[in-house]
Amino acid sequence: MEREVLNIVACEGSKRIVRPETYKQWQIRNRRAGFRQLPLDYEVVNKIKNKVKMEYHPNFMLNEDGHWMLQGWKGRIMFGTACWAPSKT
């Protein structure tokens, strides 16, 4: 995981080895595969935000976008977390 983070945070242009798909691309892919996104549990999200604020480096970020919880470093998103369930058809 160390190399993945380094690639996202420190590399630009041709120096970037891997260009991972964005969380929004995964959202489209999951919906096309027959899943629906569930809302975040805001009580859990707030607990995590408080822990990050108190115990993590100030450059570590935790944000929300729709039903996604996004984690990153210095404004760059590294991970997107969401909950999915099969669509009712």
Protein backbone atom coordinates (compact mmCIF):
# COMPACT_ATOMS: atom_id res chain seq x y z
CA MET A 1 0.00 0.00 0.00
CA GLU A 2 2.96 2.32 0.58
CA ARG A 3 3.78 2.49 -3.15
CA GLU A 4 0.14 3.17 -4.03
CA VAL A 5 -0.01 6.14 -1.67
CA LEU A 6 3.35 7.46 -2.87
CA ASN A 7 2.15 7.18 -6.48
CA ILE A 8 -1.03 9.18 -5.72
CA VAL A 9 0.56 11.86 -3.52
CA ALA A 10 3.98 12.46 -5.06
CA CYS A 11 3.80 11.58 -8.76
CA GLU A 12 2.46 13.66 -11.63
CA GLY A 13 2.31 13.23 -15.39
CA SER A 14 4.54 10.57 -16.89
CA LYS A 15 6.09 9.80 -13.48
CA ARG A 16 2.78 8.42 -12.26
CA ILE A 17 2.93 4.64 -12.53
CA VAL A 18 -0.69 3.71 -11.87
CA ARG A 19 -3.78 5.74 -12.57
CA PRO A 20 -6.44 4.15 -10.38
CA GLU A 21 -10.10 4.62 -11.23
CA THR A 22 -11.87 7.37 -9.34
CA TYR A 23 -14.59 6.63 -6.84
CA LYS A 24 -17.11 8.15 -9.26
CA GLN A 25 -16.03 5.66 -11.95
CA TRP A 26 -16.58 2.84 -9.43
CA GLN A 27 -20.02 4.24 -8.67
CA ILE A 28 -20.99 3.99 -12.34
CA ARG A 29 -19.49 0.50 -12.61
CA ASN A 30 -21.34 -0.78 -9.53
CA ARG A 31 -24.67 0.67 -10.68
CA ARG A 32 -24.26 -0.94 -14.09
CA ALA A 33 -23.53 -4.24 -12.33
CA GLY A 34 -26.91 -4.07 -10.58
CA PHE A 35 -26.05 -2.53 -7.22
CA ARG A 36 -27.46 0.48 -5.39
CA GLN A 37 -25.52 2.67 -3.03
CA LEU A 38 -26.67 2.87 0.58
CA PRO A 39 -26.39 6.02 2.70
CA LEU A 40 -23.54 6.44 5.14
CA ASP A 41 -24.20 6.02 8.86
CA TYR A 42 -23.51 9.60 9.93
CA GLU A 43 -23.01 8.63 13.57
CA VAL A 44 -20.14 6.37 12.51
CA VAL A 45 -18.78 9.00 10.09
CA ASN A 46 -18.77 11.66 12.84
CA LYS A 47 -16.95 9.32 15.24
CA ILE A 48 -14.30 8.66 12.59
CA LYS A 49 -13.96 12.38 11.81
CA ASN A 50 -13.44 13.18 15.48
CA LYS A 51 -10.82 10.46 15.83
CA VAL A 52 -8.99 11.71 12.72
CA LYS A 53 -9.10 15.29 13.96
CA MET A 54 -7.66 14.35 17.38
CA GLU A 55 -5.18 11.60 16.52
CA TYR A 56 -4.03 11.93 12.92
CA HIS A 57 -1.63 14.24 11.10
CA PRO A 58 -3.30 17.52 10.06
CA ASN A 59 -2.65 16.76 6.37
CA PHE A 60 -4.79 13.61 6.54
CA MET A 61 -8.30 14.39 5.34
CA LEU A 62 -11.65 12.74 5.71
CA ASN A 63 -14.58 14.14 3.69
CA GLU A 64 -17.95 13.07 2.38
CA ASP A 65 -19.32 13.28 -1.13
CA GLY A 66 -22.84 12.00 -1.47
CA HIS A 67 -22.81 8.49 -0.01
CA TRP A 68 -19.02 8.24 -0.13
CA MET A 69 -16.52 8.67 2.70
CA LEU A 70 -13.28 9.91 1.17
CA GLN A 71 -9.83 9.63 2.75
CA GLY A 72 -6.82 11.46 1.47
CA TRP A 73 -3.57 13.29 2.07
CA LYS A 74 -3.00 16.99 1.38
CA GLY A 75 -6.21 17.29 -0.60
CA ARG A 76 -5.64 14.23 -2.81
CA ILE A 77 -8.18 11.44 -2.49
CA MET A 78 -6.57 8.07 -1.86
CA PHE A 79 -9.55 5.92 -0.85
CA GLY A 80 -13.30 6.08 -1.23
CA THR A 81 -15.52 3.97 1.00
CA ALA A 82 -19.17 3.21 0.36
CA CYS A 83 -21.79 0.59 1.15
CA TRP A 84 -23.56 -1.23 -1.67
CA ALA A 85 -26.46 -3.68 -1.90
CA PRO A 86 -28.05 -5.55 -4.80
CA SER A 87 -30.71 -3.51 -6.55
CA LYS A 88 -34.25 -4.70 -6.10
CA THR A 89 -35.47 -5.69 -9.56
